[in-house]
Amino acid sequence: MAQLLADENFEDEVVAELIALGHDVVTARAEGLSGTADPDVLAHATANGRAVLTHDRDYHKLHKAGATHAGIVFCSVDQDFAALAARIHAALPVPAGQLVRVVKPNPPAPQVP
């Protein structure tokens, strides 16, 4: 299963769901990275062989700038934590150096009679 580092603003409930699905997930807070700049969080994750799990679009900029990393999983916010975790699970593993977007699907359009 995937090794992930959840950025400091990532929901603990999603982290718990991913752990229940068998993934090895640590949080930035647990790693002592609260308040740490994104490039340093990414470097810490990379040094430990972990992809970053984030809602922060700044990681797109780091990726585009050519930062070396073990993978980035950018997720749109979804209060259905189990559904978000399931979408992340389906997108894993993330190859090193790749950024994967996990987005909340749009609701179906209303049916016109």
N, C-alpha and C. Protein backbone atom coordinates (compact mmCIF):
# COMPACT_ATOMS: atom_id res chain seq x y z
N MET A 1 0.83 -1.19 0.00
CA MET A 1 0.00 0.00 0.00
C MET A 1 0.88 1.26 0.00
N ALA A 2 0.25 2.39 -0.23
CA ALA A 2 0.98 3.65 -0.40
C ALA A 2 1.47 4.22 0.93
N GLN A 3 2.59 4.92 0.84
CA GLN A 3 3.12 5.67 1.97
C GLN A 3 2.85 7.14 1.68
N LEU A 4 2.12 7.79 2.59
CA LEU A 4 1.66 9.16 2.37
C LEU A 4 1.98 10.04 3.57
N LEU A 5 2.16 11.34 3.29
CA LEU A 5 2.25 12.36 4.33
C LEU A 5 1.12 13.34 4.06
N ALA A 6 0.18 13.44 4.99
CA ALA A 6 -0.95 14.36 4.85
C ALA A 6 -0.52 15.75 5.29
N ASP A 7 -0.68 16.73 4.40
CA ASP A 7 -0.36 18.11 4.70
C ASP A 7 -1.16 18.55 5.93
N GLU A 8 -0.71 19.62 6.60
CA GLU A 8 -1.29 19.97 7.89
C GLU A 8 -2.77 20.33 7.86
N ASN A 9 -3.30 20.74 6.73
CA ASN A 9 -4.72 21.09 6.68
C ASN A 9 -5.59 19.95 6.17
N PHE A 10 -5.01 18.78 5.99
CA PHE A 10 -5.79 17.66 5.48
C PHE A 10 -6.59 17.04 6.63
N GLU A 11 -7.80 16.63 6.33
CA GLU A 11 -8.73 16.15 7.36
C GLU A 11 -8.26 14.83 7.98
N ASP A 12 -8.25 14.80 9.31
CA ASP A 12 -7.87 13.59 10.04
C ASP A 12 -8.81 12.44 9.74
N GLU A 13 -10.08 12.74 9.46
CA GLU A 13 -11.06 11.69 9.17
C GLU A 13 -10.70 10.95 7.87
N VAL A 14 -10.19 11.67 6.89
CA VAL A 14 -9.77 11.02 5.63
C VAL A 14 -8.52 10.19 5.89
N VAL A 15 -7.61 10.73 6.68
CA VAL A 15 -6.39 9.99 7.05
C VAL A 15 -6.78 8.67 7.71
N ALA A 16 -7.72 8.71 8.65
CA ALA A 16 -8.16 7.49 9.34
C ALA A 16 -8.77 6.49 8.35
N GLU A 17 -9.55 6.97 7.41
CA GLU A 17 -10.15 6.08 6.39
C GLU A 17 -9.06 5.43 5.55
N LEU A 18 -8.05 6.20 5.16
CA LEU A 18 -6.97 5.65 4.34
C LEU A 18 -6.16 4.61 5.12
N ILE A 19 -5.94 4.86 6.39
CA ILE A 19 -5.24 3.88 7.23
C ILE A 19 -6.06 2.60 7.31
N ALA A 20 -7.38 2.75 7.46
CA ALA A 20 -8.26 1.58 7.51
C ALA A 20 -8.22 0.79 6.20
N LEU A 21 -7.93 1.48 5.10
CA LEU A 21 -7.81 0.81 3.79
C LEU A 21 -6.43 0.19 3.59
N GLY A 22 -5.55 0.33 4.59
CA GLY A 22 -4.25 -0.32 4.55
C GLY A 22 -3.07 0.55 4.18
N HIS A 23 -3.29 1.85 4.02
CA HIS A 23 -2.20 2.74 3.64
C HIS A 23 -1.43 3.21 4.87
N ASP A 24 -0.16 3.51 4.67
CA ASP A 24 0.72 4.01 5.72
C ASP A 24 0.70 5.54 5.62
N VAL A 25 -0.06 6.18 6.49
CA VAL A 25 -0.25 7.64 6.41
C VAL A 25 0.20 8.28 7.70
N VAL A 26 1.07 9.30 7.58
CA VAL A 26 1.43 10.14 8.71
C VAL A 26 0.96 11.55 8.40
N THR A 27 0.80 12.35 9.44
CA THR A 27 0.37 13.73 9.23
C THR A 27 1.54 14.68 9.44
N ALA A 28 1.44 15.83 8.82
CA ALA A 28 2.47 16.85 9.00
C ALA A 28 2.57 17.24 10.47
N ARG A 29 1.42 17.32 11.15
CA ARG A 29 1.43 17.66 12.57
C ARG A 29 2.21 16.63 13.38
N ALA A 30 1.96 15.35 13.12
CA ALA A 30 2.64 14.29 13.86
C ALA A 30 4.14 14.25 13.57
N GLU A 31 4.53 14.72 12.39
CA GLU A 31 5.94 14.76 12.00
C GLU A 31 6.63 16.04 12.46
N GLY A 32 5.89 16.91 13.18
CA GLY A 32 6.47 18.16 13.68
C GLY A 32 6.62 19.22 12.60
N LEU A 33 5.78 19.15 11.57
CA LEU A 33 5.91 20.07 10.43
C LEU A 33 4.84 21.16 10.40
N SER A 34 4.09 21.33 11.46
CA SER A 34 3.08 22.40 11.48
C SER A 34 3.75 23.74 11.25
N GLY A 35 3.17 24.52 10.34
CA GLY A 35 3.72 25.84 10.04
C GLY A 35 4.93 25.82 9.13
N THR A 36 5.33 24.66 8.68
CA THR A 36 6.50 24.52 7.81
C THR A 36 6.12 24.88 6.37
N ALA A 37 7.00 25.54 5.67
CA ALA A 37 6.75 25.93 4.28
C ALA A 37 6.57 24.69 3.40
N ASP A 38 5.71 24.83 2.39
CA ASP A 38 5.40 23.70 1.51
C ASP A 38 6.64 23.05 0.89
N PRO A 39 7.62 23.81 0.40
CA PRO A 39 8.80 23.15 -0.16
C PRO A 39 9.52 22.25 0.86
N ASP A 40 9.51 22.67 2.11
CA ASP A 40 10.17 21.87 3.15
C ASP A 40 9.34 20.64 3.51
N VAL A 41 8.01 20.77 3.49
CA VAL A 41 7.14 19.61 3.73
C VAL A 41 7.37 18.59 2.61
N LEU A 42 7.41 19.09 1.38
CA LEU A 42 7.62 18.20 0.23
C LEU A 42 8.98 17.51 0.33
N ALA A 43 10.01 18.24 0.72
CA ALA A 43 11.34 17.66 0.87
C ALA A 43 11.36 16.59 1.96
N HIS A 44 10.67 16.86 3.07
CA HIS A 44 10.59 15.89 4.17
C HIS A 44 9.89 14.61 3.69
N ALA A 45 8.77 14.79 3.00
CA ALA A 45 8.03 13.63 2.50
C ALA A 45 8.89 12.83 1.54
N THR A 46 9.58 13.51 0.64
CA THR A 46 10.42 12.85 -0.35
C THR A 46 11.56 12.09 0.32
N ALA A 47 12.19 12.70 1.30
CA ALA A 47 13.29 12.05 2.01
C ALA A 47 12.84 10.78 2.72
N ASN A 48 11.54 10.72 3.03
CA ASN A 48 10.99 9.55 3.73
C ASN A 48 10.20 8.64 2.80
N GLY A 49 10.28 8.89 1.49
CA GLY A 49 9.62 8.02 0.53
C GLY A 49 8.11 8.10 0.54
N ARG A 50 7.58 9.27 0.91
CA ARG A 50 6.13 9.44 1.01
C ARG A 50 5.62 10.46 -0.01
N ALA A 51 4.49 10.15 -0.60
CA ALA A 51 3.80 11.12 -1.45
C ALA A 51 3.04 12.07 -0.52
N VAL A 52 2.91 13.33 -0.94
CA VAL A 52 2.18 14.32 -0.15
C VAL A 52 0.71 14.28 -0.55
N LEU A 53 -0.14 14.30 0.46
CA LEU A 53 -1.59 14.34 0.31
C LEU A 53 -2.03 15.74 0.71
N THR A 54 -2.65 16.49 -0.21
CA THR A 54 -2.90 17.90 0.06
C THR A 54 -4.14 18.44 -0.63
N HIS A 55 -4.63 19.56 -0.10
CA HIS A 55 -5.67 20.36 -0.77
C HIS A 55 -5.05 21.66 -1.29
N ASP A 56 -3.77 21.85 -1.05
CA ASP A 56 -3.07 23.11 -1.31
C ASP A 56 -2.55 23.17 -2.74
N ARG A 57 -3.04 24.15 -3.51
CA ARG A 57 -2.64 24.30 -4.91
C ARG A 57 -1.18 24.73 -5.07
N ASP A 58 -0.55 25.19 -3.99
CA ASP A 58 0.86 25.57 -4.09
C ASP A 58 1.74 24.38 -4.50
N TYR A 59 1.29 23.17 -4.21
CA TYR A 59 2.05 21.99 -4.61
C TYR A 59 2.06 21.82 -6.13
N HIS A 60 1.04 22.35 -6.81
CA HIS A 60 1.06 22.35 -8.29
C HIS A 60 2.25 23.16 -8.77
N LYS A 61 2.46 24.33 -8.15
CA LYS A 61 3.58 25.20 -8.54
C LYS A 61 4.92 24.51 -8.30
N LEU A 62 5.05 23.84 -7.16
CA LEU A 62 6.29 23.13 -6.87
C LEU A 62 6.54 22.03 -7.89
N HIS A 63 5.48 21.31 -8.24
CA HIS A 63 5.60 20.24 -9.23
C HIS A 63 6.02 20.80 -10.59
N LYS A 64 5.33 21.89 -11.02
CA LYS A 64 5.64 22.50 -12.32
C LYS A 64 7.05 23.09 -12.36
N ALA A 65 7.55 23.52 -11.19
CA ALA A 65 8.89 24.10 -11.11
C ALA A 65 9.98 23.03 -11.16
N GLY A 66 9.56 21.77 -11.16
CA GLY A 66 10.53 20.68 -11.28
C GLY A 66 11.06 20.14 -9.97
N ALA A 67 10.36 20.44 -8.87
CA ALA A 67 10.80 19.92 -7.58
C ALA A 67 10.81 18.39 -7.61
N THR A 68 11.86 17.80 -7.07
CA THR A 68 11.93 16.35 -6.95
C THR A 68 10.98 15.93 -5.83
N HIS A 69 10.18 14.91 -6.08
CA HIS A 69 9.27 14.44 -5.03
C HIS A 69 8.87 12.99 -5.26
N ALA A 70 8.33 12.39 -4.21
CA ALA A 70 7.90 10.99 -4.24
C ALA A 70 6.45 10.86 -4.69
N GLY A 71 5.86 11.96 -5.15
CA GLY A 71 4.48 11.97 -5.61
C GLY A 71 3.68 13.00 -4.84
N ILE A 72 2.68 13.55 -5.52
CA ILE A 72 1.77 14.51 -4.90
C ILE A 72 0.36 14.09 -5.26
N VAL A 73 -0.51 14.02 -4.26
CA VAL A 73 -1.92 13.73 -4.47
C VAL A 73 -2.70 14.97 -4.07
N PHE A 74 -3.15 15.73 -5.07
CA PHE A 74 -3.93 16.94 -4.82
C PHE A 74 -5.40 16.55 -4.85
N CYS A 75 -6.13 16.93 -3.79
CA CYS A 75 -7.54 16.56 -3.66
C CYS A 75 -8.42 17.79 -3.51
N SER A 76 -9.56 17.79 -4.19
CA SER A 76 -10.55 18.81 -3.91
C SER A 76 -11.19 18.46 -2.56
N VAL A 77 -11.73 19.46 -1.90
CA VAL A 77 -12.34 19.26 -0.58
C VAL A 77 -13.66 18.52 -0.74
N ASP A 78 -13.91 17.56 0.13
CA ASP A 78 -15.16 16.81 0.13
C ASP A 78 -15.46 16.43 1.57
N GLN A 79 -16.60 16.85 2.06
CA GLN A 79 -16.97 16.54 3.44
C GLN A 79 -17.43 15.09 3.61
N ASP A 80 -17.61 14.37 2.51
CA ASP A 80 -17.88 12.93 2.58
C ASP A 80 -16.51 12.25 2.63
N PHE A 81 -15.99 12.14 3.86
CA PHE A 81 -14.63 11.68 4.05
C PHE A 81 -14.38 10.28 3.51
N ALA A 82 -15.35 9.39 3.70
CA ALA A 82 -15.19 8.02 3.20
C ALA A 82 -15.12 8.00 1.68
N ALA A 83 -15.94 8.82 1.03
CA ALA A 83 -15.92 8.88 -0.44
C ALA A 83 -14.60 9.45 -0.94
N LEU A 84 -14.09 10.48 -0.29
CA LEU A 84 -12.80 11.06 -0.68
C LEU A 84 -11.69 10.03 -0.50
N ALA A 85 -11.70 9.33 0.62
CA ALA A 85 -10.68 8.31 0.86
C ALA A 85 -10.76 7.21 -0.20
N ALA A 86 -11.96 6.84 -0.59
CA ALA A 86 -12.11 5.80 -1.62
C ALA A 86 -11.56 6.27 -2.96
N ARG A 87 -11.78 7.55 -3.31
CA ARG A 87 -11.24 8.08 -4.57
C ARG A 87 -9.71 8.14 -4.52
N ILE A 88 -9.17 8.54 -3.37
CA ILE A 88 -7.71 8.57 -3.22
C ILE A 88 -7.16 7.15 -3.35
N HIS A 89 -7.78 6.21 -2.66
CA HIS A 89 -7.36 4.81 -2.70
C HIS A 89 -7.31 4.30 -4.14
N ALA A 90 -8.33 4.65 -4.93
CA ALA A 90 -8.39 4.21 -6.33
C ALA A 90 -7.29 4.83 -7.18
N ALA A 91 -6.79 6.00 -6.79
CA ALA A 91 -5.75 6.70 -7.56
C ALA A 91 -4.34 6.25 -7.20
N LEU A 92 -4.20 5.50 -6.13
CA LEU A 92 -2.88 5.07 -5.66
C LEU A 92 -2.46 3.77 -6.33
N PRO A 93 -1.17 3.51 -6.47
CA PRO A 93 -0.05 4.33 -6.03
C PRO A 93 0.26 5.45 -7.02
N VAL A 94 0.91 6.48 -6.52
CA VAL A 94 1.34 7.60 -7.35
C VAL A 94 2.82 7.42 -7.64
N PRO A 95 3.20 7.38 -8.91
CA PRO A 95 4.63 7.24 -9.22
C PRO A 95 5.42 8.47 -8.75
N ALA A 96 6.66 8.24 -8.37
CA ALA A 96 7.54 9.35 -7.97
C ALA A 96 7.59 10.37 -9.10
N GLY A 97 7.55 11.64 -8.72
CA GLY A 97 7.63 12.72 -9.68
C GLY A 97 6.31 13.07 -10.36
N GLN A 98 5.23 12.38 -10.00
CA GLN A 98 3.93 12.62 -10.63
C GLN A 98 2.99 13.36 -9.67
N LEU A 99 2.13 14.18 -10.23
CA LEU A 99 1.06 14.83 -9.48
C LEU A 99 -0.25 14.26 -9.99
N VAL A 100 -1.05 13.77 -9.06
CA VAL A 100 -2.35 13.19 -9.39
C VAL A 100 -3.43 14.06 -8.75
N ARG A 101 -4.45 14.36 -9.53
CA ARG A 101 -5.59 15.13 -9.01
C ARG A 101 -6.74 14.18 -8.69
N VAL A 102 -7.27 14.32 -7.49
CA VAL A 102 -8.43 13.54 -7.07
C VAL A 102 -9.53 14.56 -6.80
N VAL A 103 -10.52 14.61 -7.67
CA VAL A 103 -11.53 15.66 -7.58
C VAL A 103 -12.90 15.08 -7.24
N LYS A 104 -13.67 15.90 -6.55
CA LYS A 104 -15.04 15.54 -6.19
C LYS A 104 -15.87 15.58 -7.47
N PRO A 105 -16.59 14.50 -7.75
CA PRO A 105 -17.39 14.50 -8.97
C PRO A 105 -18.56 15.48 -8.87
N ASN A 106 -18.93 16.03 -10.01
CA ASN A 106 -20.10 16.90 -10.05
C ASN A 106 -21.36 16.07 -9.85
N PRO A 107 -22.35 16.65 -9.16
CA PRO A 107 -23.60 15.89 -9.01
C PRO A 107 -24.26 15.71 -10.37
N PRO A 108 -25.03 14.64 -10.53
CA PRO A 108 -25.69 14.44 -11.83
C PRO A 108 -26.66 15.59 -12.12
N ALA A 109 -26.78 15.90 -13.39
CA ALA A 109 -27.71 16.96 -13.80
C ALA A 109 -29.15 16.48 -13.54
N PRO A 110 -30.02 17.40 -13.15
CA PRO A 110 -31.40 17.00 -12.90
C PRO A 110 -32.05 16.51 -14.21
N GLN A 111 -32.86 15.50 -14.06
CA GLN A 111 -33.57 14.94 -15.22
C GLN A 111 -34.76 15.82 -15.56
N VAL A 112 -34.88 16.17 -16.83
CA VAL A 112 -36.02 16.98 -17.30
C VAL A 112 -37.07 16.01 -17.82
N PRO A 113 -38.30 16.15 -17.31
CA PRO A 113 -39.36 15.20 -17.78
C PRO A 113 -39.71 15.39 -19.24
